[in-house]
N, C-alpha and C. Protein backbone atom coordinates (compact mmCIF):
# COMPACT_ATOMS: atom_id res chain seq x y z
N UNK A 1 -183.63 35.08 65.59
CA UNK A 1 -184.01 36.42 65.25
C UNK A 1 -185.17 36.41 64.26
N UNK A 2 -185.10 35.47 63.31
CA UNK A 2 -186.17 35.38 62.32
C UNK A 2 -187.50 35.10 63.01
N UNK A 3 -187.48 34.22 64.03
CA UNK A 3 -188.72 33.90 64.74
C UNK A 3 -189.29 35.13 65.42
N UNK A 4 -188.39 35.99 65.92
CA UNK A 4 -188.83 37.21 66.57
C UNK A 4 -189.56 38.11 65.59
N UNK A 5 -188.99 38.31 64.40
CA UNK A 5 -189.64 39.15 63.39
C UNK A 5 -190.92 38.50 62.87
N UNK A 6 -190.92 37.18 62.73
CA UNK A 6 -192.14 36.50 62.30
C UNK A 6 -193.23 36.71 63.34
N UNK A 7 -192.86 36.59 64.61
CA UNK A 7 -193.85 36.79 65.67
C UNK A 7 -194.39 38.21 65.65
N UNK A 8 -193.51 39.18 65.44
CA UNK A 8 -193.96 40.57 65.37
C UNK A 8 -194.88 40.78 64.17
N UNK A 9 -194.48 40.22 63.01
CA UNK A 9 -195.31 40.34 61.80
C UNK A 9 -196.67 39.72 61.97
N UNK A 10 -196.71 38.55 62.56
CA UNK A 10 -197.99 37.87 62.79
C UNK A 10 -198.83 38.67 63.77
N UNK A 11 -198.19 39.20 64.79
CA UNK A 11 -198.91 39.98 65.79
C UNK A 11 -199.64 41.16 65.16
N UNK A 12 -198.94 41.89 64.28
CA UNK A 12 -199.57 43.07 63.68
C UNK A 12 -200.51 42.72 62.54
N UNK A 13 -200.33 41.58 61.89
CA UNK A 13 -201.23 41.23 60.80
C UNK A 13 -202.49 40.52 61.29
N UNK A 14 -202.41 39.91 62.47
CA UNK A 14 -203.56 39.20 63.03
C UNK A 14 -203.73 39.61 64.49
N UNK A 15 -204.58 40.57 64.78
CA UNK A 15 -204.71 41.06 66.14
C UNK A 15 -205.11 39.98 67.15
N UNK A 16 -205.78 38.94 66.72
CA UNK A 16 -206.21 37.89 67.64
C UNK A 16 -205.26 36.71 67.64
N UNK A 17 -204.01 36.92 67.28
CA UNK A 17 -203.01 35.86 67.17
C UNK A 17 -202.96 34.98 68.41
N UNK A 18 -202.85 35.59 69.57
CA UNK A 18 -202.67 34.81 70.79
C UNK A 18 -203.85 33.90 71.09
N UNK A 19 -205.05 34.35 70.82
CA UNK A 19 -206.21 33.54 71.16
C UNK A 19 -206.38 32.34 70.23
N UNK A 20 -205.67 32.32 69.10
CA UNK A 20 -205.81 31.22 68.17
C UNK A 20 -204.80 30.10 68.42
N UNK A 21 -203.92 30.25 69.38
CA UNK A 21 -202.88 29.26 69.64
C UNK A 21 -203.42 28.15 70.53
N UNK A 22 -203.08 26.93 70.20
CA UNK A 22 -203.54 25.80 71.01
C UNK A 22 -202.46 25.37 71.98
N UNK A 23 -202.83 24.55 72.94
CA UNK A 23 -201.91 24.09 73.96
C UNK A 23 -200.71 23.34 73.41
N UNK A 24 -200.84 22.66 72.30
CA UNK A 24 -199.73 21.88 71.76
C UNK A 24 -198.76 22.74 70.96
N UNK A 25 -199.16 23.94 70.56
CA UNK A 25 -198.29 24.81 69.77
C UNK A 25 -197.67 25.86 70.67
N UNK A 26 -196.51 25.56 71.23
CA UNK A 26 -195.85 26.51 72.11
C UNK A 26 -194.48 26.87 71.56
N UNK A 27 -194.39 27.01 70.25
CA UNK A 27 -193.09 27.31 69.66
C UNK A 27 -192.88 28.79 69.37
N UNK A 28 -193.88 29.61 69.49
CA UNK A 28 -193.74 31.03 69.18
C UNK A 28 -194.24 31.86 70.36
N UNK A 29 -193.50 32.91 70.65
CA UNK A 29 -193.90 33.84 71.68
C UNK A 29 -194.18 35.16 70.98
N UNK A 30 -195.35 35.73 71.19
CA UNK A 30 -195.69 37.01 70.57
C UNK A 30 -194.94 38.12 71.28
N UNK A 31 -194.30 38.99 70.51
CA UNK A 31 -193.57 40.11 71.05
C UNK A 31 -194.41 41.36 70.87
N UNK A 32 -194.62 42.08 71.95
CA UNK A 32 -195.45 43.28 71.90
C UNK A 32 -194.60 44.46 72.34
N UNK A 33 -194.54 45.48 71.50
CA UNK A 33 -193.79 46.68 71.84
C UNK A 33 -194.78 47.75 72.28
N UNK A 34 -194.57 48.28 73.46
CA UNK A 34 -195.41 49.35 74.00
C UNK A 34 -194.47 50.51 74.34
N UNK A 35 -194.33 51.44 73.43
CA UNK A 35 -193.36 52.52 73.63
C UNK A 35 -191.96 51.94 73.58
N UNK A 36 -191.20 52.12 74.63
CA UNK A 36 -189.85 51.56 74.71
C UNK A 36 -189.82 50.22 75.46
N UNK A 37 -190.96 49.76 75.92
CA UNK A 37 -191.03 48.50 76.67
C UNK A 37 -191.43 47.35 75.75
N UNK A 38 -190.84 46.20 76.00
CA UNK A 38 -191.18 45.00 75.26
C UNK A 38 -191.76 43.99 76.23
N UNK A 39 -192.74 43.23 75.77
CA UNK A 39 -193.23 42.12 76.57
C UNK A 39 -193.45 40.94 75.63
N UNK A 40 -193.36 39.77 76.18
CA UNK A 40 -193.60 38.54 75.45
C UNK A 40 -194.87 37.95 76.04
N UNK A 41 -195.82 37.61 75.18
CA UNK A 41 -197.09 37.08 75.67
C UNK A 41 -197.50 35.84 74.90
N UNK A 42 -198.19 34.96 75.62
CA UNK A 42 -198.81 33.77 75.02
C UNK A 42 -200.11 33.51 75.75
N UNK A 43 -201.15 33.23 74.99
CA UNK A 43 -202.39 32.69 75.55
C UNK A 43 -202.48 31.28 75.00
N UNK A 44 -202.59 30.32 75.89
CA UNK A 44 -202.59 28.92 75.49
C UNK A 44 -203.91 28.28 75.91
N UNK A 45 -204.57 27.66 74.96
CA UNK A 45 -205.83 26.99 75.20
C UNK A 45 -205.58 25.64 75.87
N UNK A 46 -206.34 25.35 76.90
CA UNK A 46 -206.26 24.07 77.60
C UNK A 46 -207.69 23.57 77.84
N UNK A 47 -208.31 23.06 76.78
CA UNK A 47 -209.71 22.63 76.91
C UNK A 47 -209.88 21.62 78.05
N UNK A 48 -210.98 21.71 78.69
CA UNK A 48 -211.39 20.82 79.78
C UNK A 48 -210.56 20.98 81.06
N UNK A 49 -209.76 22.02 81.16
CA UNK A 49 -209.02 22.28 82.40
C UNK A 49 -209.64 23.50 83.08
N UNK A 50 -209.98 23.38 84.33
CA UNK A 50 -210.54 24.51 85.05
C UNK A 50 -209.42 25.44 85.52
N UNK A 51 -209.79 26.67 85.81
CA UNK A 51 -208.78 27.61 86.28
C UNK A 51 -208.20 27.18 87.62
N UNK A 52 -209.00 26.51 88.45
CA UNK A 52 -208.49 26.01 89.73
C UNK A 52 -207.38 24.99 89.52
N UNK A 53 -207.60 24.05 88.63
CA UNK A 53 -206.61 23.01 88.35
C UNK A 53 -205.36 23.62 87.72
N UNK A 54 -205.56 24.51 86.74
CA UNK A 54 -204.42 25.16 86.09
C UNK A 54 -203.59 25.95 87.10
N UNK A 55 -204.26 26.69 87.96
CA UNK A 55 -203.58 27.51 88.97
C UNK A 55 -202.76 26.64 89.92
N UNK A 56 -203.34 25.55 90.40
CA UNK A 56 -202.62 24.67 91.32
C UNK A 56 -201.41 24.02 90.67
N UNK A 57 -201.57 23.57 89.42
CA UNK A 57 -200.44 22.97 88.71
C UNK A 57 -199.35 24.00 88.44
N UNK A 58 -199.75 25.21 88.07
CA UNK A 58 -198.76 26.27 87.80
C UNK A 58 -198.02 26.65 89.08
N UNK A 59 -198.74 26.69 90.17
CA UNK A 59 -198.12 27.03 91.46
C UNK A 59 -197.03 26.00 91.80
N UNK A 60 -197.35 24.73 91.61
CA UNK A 60 -196.35 23.67 91.85
C UNK A 60 -195.18 23.79 90.88
N UNK A 61 -195.46 24.11 89.61
CA UNK A 61 -194.40 24.26 88.62
C UNK A 61 -193.49 25.44 88.97
N UNK A 62 -194.07 26.57 89.37
CA UNK A 62 -193.27 27.74 89.74
C UNK A 62 -192.37 27.41 90.93
N UNK A 63 -192.91 26.74 91.92
CA UNK A 63 -192.12 26.39 93.10
C UNK A 63 -190.97 25.45 92.77
N UNK A 64 -191.20 24.53 91.85
CA UNK A 64 -190.14 23.58 91.52
C UNK A 64 -189.17 24.09 90.46
N UNK A 65 -189.61 25.04 89.63
CA UNK A 65 -188.79 25.48 88.50
C UNK A 65 -188.17 26.86 88.70
N UNK A 66 -188.88 27.75 89.36
CA UNK A 66 -188.44 29.15 89.40
C UNK A 66 -188.25 29.69 90.81
N UNK A 67 -188.11 28.83 91.78
CA UNK A 67 -187.93 29.29 93.15
C UNK A 67 -186.60 30.01 93.28
N UNK A 68 -186.62 31.15 93.95
CA UNK A 68 -185.41 31.94 94.13
C UNK A 68 -185.14 32.15 95.61
N UNK A 69 -183.95 32.57 95.90
CA UNK A 69 -183.55 32.77 97.30
C UNK A 69 -184.33 33.89 97.97
N UNK A 70 -184.73 34.91 97.20
CA UNK A 70 -185.42 36.03 97.82
C UNK A 70 -186.93 35.82 97.98
N UNK A 71 -187.43 34.66 97.59
CA UNK A 71 -188.84 34.31 97.81
C UNK A 71 -189.80 35.41 97.31
N UNK A 72 -189.61 35.84 96.08
CA UNK A 72 -190.39 36.95 95.55
C UNK A 72 -191.64 36.51 94.79
N UNK A 73 -192.10 35.31 94.98
CA UNK A 73 -193.28 34.81 94.28
C UNK A 73 -194.52 35.40 94.94
N UNK A 74 -195.43 35.92 94.11
CA UNK A 74 -196.67 36.50 94.61
C UNK A 74 -197.84 35.69 94.05
N UNK A 75 -198.67 35.18 94.96
CA UNK A 75 -199.84 34.40 94.56
C UNK A 75 -201.11 35.19 94.85
N UNK A 76 -202.01 35.27 93.88
CA UNK A 76 -203.30 35.91 94.05
C UNK A 76 -204.36 34.83 93.77
N UNK A 77 -204.75 34.14 94.82
CA UNK A 77 -205.67 33.02 94.67
C UNK A 77 -207.09 33.47 94.31
N UNK A 78 -207.45 34.70 94.66
CA UNK A 78 -208.76 35.22 94.31
C UNK A 78 -208.92 35.44 92.82
N UNK A 79 -207.86 36.00 92.20
CA UNK A 79 -207.91 36.33 90.78
C UNK A 79 -207.14 35.34 89.91
N UNK A 80 -206.65 34.27 90.50
CA UNK A 80 -205.92 33.22 89.79
C UNK A 80 -204.73 33.79 89.01
N UNK A 81 -203.83 34.48 89.73
CA UNK A 81 -202.63 35.07 89.14
C UNK A 81 -201.41 34.69 89.96
N UNK A 82 -200.30 34.54 89.27
CA UNK A 82 -199.01 34.31 89.91
C UNK A 82 -198.02 35.27 89.25
N UNK A 83 -197.24 35.96 90.08
CA UNK A 83 -196.20 36.87 89.58
C UNK A 83 -194.88 36.44 90.20
N UNK A 84 -193.84 36.40 89.38
CA UNK A 84 -192.52 36.00 89.86
C UNK A 84 -191.46 36.70 89.03
N UNK A 85 -190.26 36.73 89.55
CA UNK A 85 -189.11 37.21 88.80
C UNK A 85 -188.25 36.01 88.48
N UNK A 86 -187.57 36.08 87.36
CA UNK A 86 -186.71 34.97 86.97
C UNK A 86 -185.44 35.47 86.33
N UNK A 87 -184.53 34.55 86.10
CA UNK A 87 -183.27 34.84 85.42
C UNK A 87 -182.89 33.62 84.60
N UNK A 88 -182.35 33.87 83.44
CA UNK A 88 -181.87 32.81 82.56
C UNK A 88 -180.50 33.21 82.04
N UNK A 89 -179.67 32.22 81.79
CA UNK A 89 -178.33 32.50 81.29
C UNK A 89 -178.34 32.73 79.79
N UNK A 90 -177.35 33.45 79.33
CA UNK A 90 -177.09 33.62 77.91
C UNK A 90 -175.83 32.83 77.61
N UNK A 91 -175.90 31.91 76.67
CA UNK A 91 -174.76 31.05 76.37
C UNK A 91 -173.60 31.86 75.80
N UNK A 92 -172.36 31.49 76.13
CA UNK A 92 -171.20 32.19 75.57
C UNK A 92 -171.20 32.12 74.04
N UNK A 93 -170.69 33.17 73.40
CA UNK A 93 -170.62 33.24 71.94
C UNK A 93 -169.24 33.77 71.57
N UNK A 94 -168.53 33.02 70.74
CA UNK A 94 -167.19 33.41 70.34
C UNK A 94 -167.17 33.69 68.84
N UNK A 95 -166.58 34.83 68.47
CA UNK A 95 -166.34 35.05 67.05
C UNK A 95 -164.91 34.64 66.75
N UNK A 96 -164.41 34.90 65.58
CA UNK A 96 -163.11 34.38 65.19
C UNK A 96 -161.95 34.91 66.03
N UNK A 97 -162.03 36.14 66.51
CA UNK A 97 -160.89 36.73 67.22
C UNK A 97 -161.01 36.62 68.74
N UNK A 98 -162.19 36.82 69.26
CA UNK A 98 -162.36 36.86 70.72
C UNK A 98 -163.81 36.54 71.06
N UNK A 99 -164.08 36.54 72.36
CA UNK A 99 -165.45 36.30 72.79
C UNK A 99 -166.31 37.52 72.51
N UNK A 100 -167.39 37.30 71.80
CA UNK A 100 -168.40 38.32 71.63
C UNK A 100 -169.15 38.47 72.96
N UNK A 101 -169.46 37.32 73.56
CA UNK A 101 -170.06 37.26 74.89
C UNK A 101 -169.39 36.11 75.63
N UNK A 102 -168.68 36.41 76.71
CA UNK A 102 -168.06 35.34 77.49
C UNK A 102 -169.00 34.81 78.56
N UNK A 103 -169.91 35.66 79.02
CA UNK A 103 -170.95 35.22 79.95
C UNK A 103 -172.08 36.23 79.93
N UNK A 104 -173.25 35.81 80.36
CA UNK A 104 -174.37 36.73 80.39
C UNK A 104 -175.61 36.08 80.97
N UNK A 105 -176.57 36.92 81.30
CA UNK A 105 -177.87 36.46 81.78
C UNK A 105 -178.88 37.57 81.57
N UNK A 106 -180.15 37.22 81.68
CA UNK A 106 -181.20 38.23 81.64
C UNK A 106 -182.20 37.96 82.75
N UNK A 107 -182.63 39.04 83.38
CA UNK A 107 -183.66 38.99 84.42
C UNK A 107 -184.97 39.42 83.80
N UNK A 108 -186.08 38.94 84.36
CA UNK A 108 -187.39 39.29 83.84
C UNK A 108 -188.45 39.09 84.90
N UNK A 109 -189.61 39.68 84.65
CA UNK A 109 -190.79 39.46 85.49
C UNK A 109 -191.75 38.62 84.67
N UNK A 110 -192.39 37.66 85.32
CA UNK A 110 -193.31 36.78 84.61
C UNK A 110 -194.65 36.77 85.35
N UNK A 111 -195.73 36.89 84.58
CA UNK A 111 -197.09 36.90 85.12
C UNK A 111 -197.86 35.75 84.49
N UNK A 112 -198.53 34.98 85.32
CA UNK A 112 -199.41 33.90 84.86
C UNK A 112 -200.83 34.26 85.27
N UNK A 113 -201.77 34.16 84.34
CA UNK A 113 -203.18 34.40 84.63
C UNK A 113 -203.98 33.21 84.10
N UNK A 114 -205.00 32.80 84.85
CA UNK A 114 -205.73 31.59 84.51
C UNK A 114 -207.23 31.83 84.41
N UNK A 115 -207.83 31.24 83.38
CA UNK A 115 -209.28 31.19 83.22
C UNK A 115 -209.61 29.76 82.83
N UNK A 116 -210.88 29.40 82.95
CA UNK A 116 -211.28 28.05 82.55
C UNK A 116 -210.92 27.83 81.09
N UNK A 117 -210.16 26.78 80.82
CA UNK A 117 -209.82 26.41 79.46
C UNK A 117 -208.66 27.14 78.82
N UNK A 118 -207.99 28.05 79.55
CA UNK A 118 -206.85 28.76 78.97
C UNK A 118 -206.04 29.45 80.07
N UNK A 119 -204.81 29.79 79.69
CA UNK A 119 -203.98 30.59 80.58
C UNK A 119 -203.13 31.53 79.75
N UNK A 120 -202.66 32.60 80.39
CA UNK A 120 -201.82 33.58 79.71
C UNK A 120 -200.52 33.72 80.47
N UNK A 121 -199.44 33.83 79.71
CA UNK A 121 -198.12 34.08 80.26
C UNK A 121 -197.65 35.41 79.68
N UNK A 122 -197.26 36.33 80.53
CA UNK A 122 -196.71 37.61 80.08
C UNK A 122 -195.35 37.80 80.76
N UNK A 123 -194.34 38.08 79.94
CA UNK A 123 -192.98 38.25 80.44
C UNK A 123 -192.49 39.63 80.02
N UNK A 124 -192.02 40.42 81.00
CA UNK A 124 -191.53 41.76 80.68
C UNK A 124 -190.47 42.20 81.70
N UNK A 125 -190.18 43.49 81.74
CA UNK A 125 -189.17 44.07 82.64
C UNK A 125 -187.81 43.40 82.49
N UNK A 126 -187.33 43.35 81.27
CA UNK A 126 -186.05 42.70 80.98
C UNK A 126 -184.88 43.57 81.41
N UNK A 127 -183.89 42.94 82.01
CA UNK A 127 -182.59 43.55 82.26
C UNK A 127 -181.56 42.53 81.81
N UNK A 128 -180.70 42.94 80.90
CA UNK A 128 -179.76 42.02 80.27
C UNK A 128 -178.34 42.42 80.65
N UNK A 129 -177.58 41.45 81.14
CA UNK A 129 -176.18 41.66 81.50
C UNK A 129 -175.32 40.77 80.62
N UNK A 130 -174.28 41.36 80.02
CA UNK A 130 -173.32 40.57 79.25
C UNK A 130 -171.91 41.02 79.59
N UNK A 131 -170.98 40.09 79.45
CA UNK A 131 -169.56 40.36 79.62
C UNK A 131 -168.85 39.88 78.37
N UNK A 132 -168.09 40.77 77.76
CA UNK A 132 -167.29 40.43 76.58
C UNK A 132 -165.82 40.49 76.98
N UNK A 133 -165.10 39.45 76.63
CA UNK A 133 -163.67 39.39 76.93
C UNK A 133 -162.93 39.38 75.61
N UNK A 134 -162.31 40.50 75.27
CA UNK A 134 -161.62 40.61 73.99
C UNK A 134 -160.18 40.14 74.05
N UNK A 135 -159.75 39.68 75.19
CA UNK A 135 -158.37 39.27 75.36
C UNK A 135 -157.53 40.38 75.96
N UNK A 136 -157.86 41.61 75.62
CA UNK A 136 -157.14 42.76 76.15
C UNK A 136 -157.91 43.46 77.25
N UNK A 137 -159.21 43.37 77.18
CA UNK A 137 -160.03 44.01 78.19
C UNK A 137 -161.37 43.29 78.33
N UNK A 138 -162.01 43.52 79.45
CA UNK A 138 -163.33 42.95 79.73
C UNK A 138 -164.34 44.08 79.72
N UNK A 139 -165.41 43.89 78.97
CA UNK A 139 -166.45 44.92 78.89
C UNK A 139 -167.76 44.34 79.43
N UNK A 140 -168.28 44.97 80.46
CA UNK A 140 -169.58 44.59 81.01
C UNK A 140 -170.63 45.56 80.49
N UNK A 141 -171.80 45.02 80.13
CA UNK A 141 -172.90 45.85 79.66
C UNK A 141 -174.18 45.41 80.36
N UNK A 142 -174.95 46.38 80.79
CA UNK A 142 -176.29 46.14 81.31
C UNK A 142 -177.24 47.01 80.51
N UNK A 143 -178.32 46.40 80.01
CA UNK A 143 -179.27 47.16 79.18
C UNK A 143 -180.63 46.49 79.21
N UNK A 144 -181.59 47.18 78.62
CA UNK A 144 -182.93 46.63 78.50
C UNK A 144 -183.07 45.97 77.13
N UNK A 145 -184.17 45.30 76.91
CA UNK A 145 -184.41 44.66 75.61
C UNK A 145 -184.45 45.70 74.50
N UNK A 146 -185.05 46.85 74.76
CA UNK A 146 -185.17 47.90 73.75
C UNK A 146 -183.82 48.48 73.37
N UNK A 147 -182.84 48.38 74.25
CA UNK A 147 -181.52 48.95 74.00
C UNK A 147 -180.59 48.02 73.22
N UNK A 148 -181.04 46.82 72.90
CA UNK A 148 -180.20 45.90 72.14
C UNK A 148 -179.98 46.43 70.73
N UNK A 149 -178.76 46.36 70.25
CA UNK A 149 -178.43 46.83 68.90
C UNK A 149 -178.82 45.79 67.87
N UNK A 150 -178.77 46.18 66.61
CA UNK A 150 -179.03 45.24 65.52
C UNK A 150 -177.75 44.62 64.99
N UNK A 151 -176.69 44.65 65.77
CA UNK A 151 -175.44 44.03 65.35
C UNK A 151 -175.45 42.54 65.72
N UNK A 152 -174.33 41.85 65.51
CA UNK A 152 -174.26 40.41 65.78
C UNK A 152 -174.58 40.09 67.24
N UNK A 153 -174.05 40.89 68.14
CA UNK A 153 -174.28 40.65 69.57
C UNK A 153 -175.76 40.79 69.92
N UNK A 154 -176.39 41.87 69.47
CA UNK A 154 -177.80 42.10 69.77
C UNK A 154 -178.69 41.01 69.20
N UNK A 155 -178.40 40.59 67.97
CA UNK A 155 -179.18 39.51 67.35
C UNK A 155 -179.01 38.21 68.12
N UNK A 156 -177.79 37.92 68.52
CA UNK A 156 -177.53 36.69 69.28
C UNK A 156 -178.28 36.71 70.61
N UNK A 157 -178.26 37.84 71.30
CA UNK A 157 -178.95 37.94 72.60
C UNK A 157 -180.45 37.76 72.41
N UNK A 158 -181.03 38.38 71.38
CA UNK A 158 -182.46 38.21 71.10
C UNK A 158 -182.80 36.75 70.83
N UNK A 159 -181.95 36.07 70.06
CA UNK A 159 -182.17 34.65 69.78
C UNK A 159 -182.11 33.83 71.07
N UNK A 160 -181.15 34.14 71.94
CA UNK A 160 -181.03 33.44 73.21
C UNK A 160 -182.27 33.65 74.08
N UNK A 161 -182.75 34.89 74.16
CA UNK A 161 -183.94 35.20 74.96
C UNK A 161 -185.14 34.44 74.40
N UNK A 162 -185.32 34.47 73.09
CA UNK A 162 -186.42 33.77 72.44
C UNK A 162 -186.35 32.27 72.74
N UNK A 163 -185.18 31.70 72.60
CA UNK A 163 -184.99 30.27 72.84
C UNK A 163 -185.28 29.91 74.29
N UNK A 164 -184.74 30.67 75.23
CA UNK A 164 -184.91 30.37 76.66
C UNK A 164 -186.36 30.55 77.11
N UNK A 165 -187.03 31.60 76.61
CA UNK A 165 -188.43 31.82 77.00
C UNK A 165 -189.35 30.78 76.38
N UNK A 166 -189.06 30.40 75.13
CA UNK A 166 -189.86 29.35 74.48
C UNK A 166 -189.72 28.04 75.26
N UNK A 167 -188.51 27.72 75.68
CA UNK A 167 -188.28 26.51 76.46
C UNK A 167 -189.02 26.58 77.81
N UNK A 168 -188.99 27.74 78.43
CA UNK A 168 -189.68 27.92 79.71
C UNK A 168 -191.18 27.70 79.55
N UNK A 169 -191.77 28.27 78.50
CA UNK A 169 -193.20 28.12 78.28
C UNK A 169 -193.55 26.68 77.92
N UNK A 170 -192.70 26.01 77.16
CA UNK A 170 -192.93 24.59 76.86
C UNK A 170 -192.95 23.76 78.13
N UNK A 171 -192.02 24.05 79.03
CA UNK A 171 -191.96 23.32 80.29
C UNK A 171 -193.23 23.54 81.11
N UNK A 172 -193.65 24.79 81.21
CA UNK A 172 -194.89 25.10 81.93
C UNK A 172 -196.07 24.39 81.29
N UNK A 173 -196.17 24.49 79.97
CA UNK A 173 -197.30 23.88 79.27
C UNK A 173 -197.32 22.36 79.49
N UNK A 174 -196.16 21.74 79.46
CA UNK A 174 -196.09 20.30 79.71
C UNK A 174 -196.63 19.93 81.08
N UNK A 175 -196.35 20.76 82.06
CA UNK A 175 -196.86 20.51 83.42
C UNK A 175 -198.35 20.76 83.53
N UNK A 176 -198.85 21.77 82.82
CA UNK A 176 -200.26 22.11 82.95
C UNK A 176 -201.19 21.18 82.19
N UNK A 177 -200.75 20.68 81.04
CA UNK A 177 -201.64 19.83 80.26
C UNK A 177 -201.49 18.36 80.58
N UNK A 178 -200.50 18.03 81.42
CA UNK A 178 -200.34 16.62 81.80
C UNK A 178 -201.52 16.20 82.66
N UNK A 179 -201.86 14.92 82.57
CA UNK A 179 -202.99 14.42 83.35
C UNK A 179 -202.61 14.37 84.83
N UNK A 180 -203.60 14.38 85.65
CA UNK A 180 -203.37 14.30 87.10
C UNK A 180 -202.60 13.04 87.43
N UNK A 181 -201.60 13.18 88.28
CA UNK A 181 -200.85 12.00 88.70
C UNK A 181 -201.65 11.26 89.75
N UNK A 182 -201.65 9.96 89.62
CA UNK A 182 -202.40 9.15 90.57
C UNK A 182 -201.68 9.13 91.91
N UNK A 183 -202.44 9.17 92.97
CA UNK A 183 -201.86 9.11 94.30
C UNK A 183 -201.29 7.73 94.56
N UNK A 184 -200.09 7.72 95.09
CA UNK A 184 -199.51 6.44 95.45
C UNK A 184 -199.79 6.17 96.92
N UNK A 185 -199.56 4.97 97.34
CA UNK A 185 -199.84 4.62 98.74
C UNK A 185 -198.62 4.81 99.62
N UNK A 186 -197.65 5.56 99.15
CA UNK A 186 -196.46 5.82 99.95
C UNK A 186 -196.82 6.85 100.94
């Protein structure tokens, strides 16, 4: 949660925050609030990488990492953009008496845009599902990111989203900045 507020503070104190981030620093995701909608954005510098190379590597990464049964991946080869939907789990959280969250996940839309020497990741359209099992009853909740409360549950869910999205961006960045693999004779 602290990282989320730090990211928001940095975003408002330095309007060019995203453009100053380098490819090796993928530990913070900038949170942008637009009315009631939230989006997470990162612009990552990748010197000496062309948009063609970045796009091809990202396309392979999306197919291997985020492929879904409904095949909802959209590729725009003219404008070097990829749009996809994804889902990540929320780890169970137990307080002293019962489960605060016995299971959960969040859905999102992710957009990748590429230019020579950099790429941008934008994640939005969050839908969060959680199930709490108090021992006496099961409570299911579906809400947006903006609807999360500032209680223990809401803070935990925000931390989980931040952690999962940061991990996702690190994985993508690792694939994009890695050197070309040499062709084998197989």
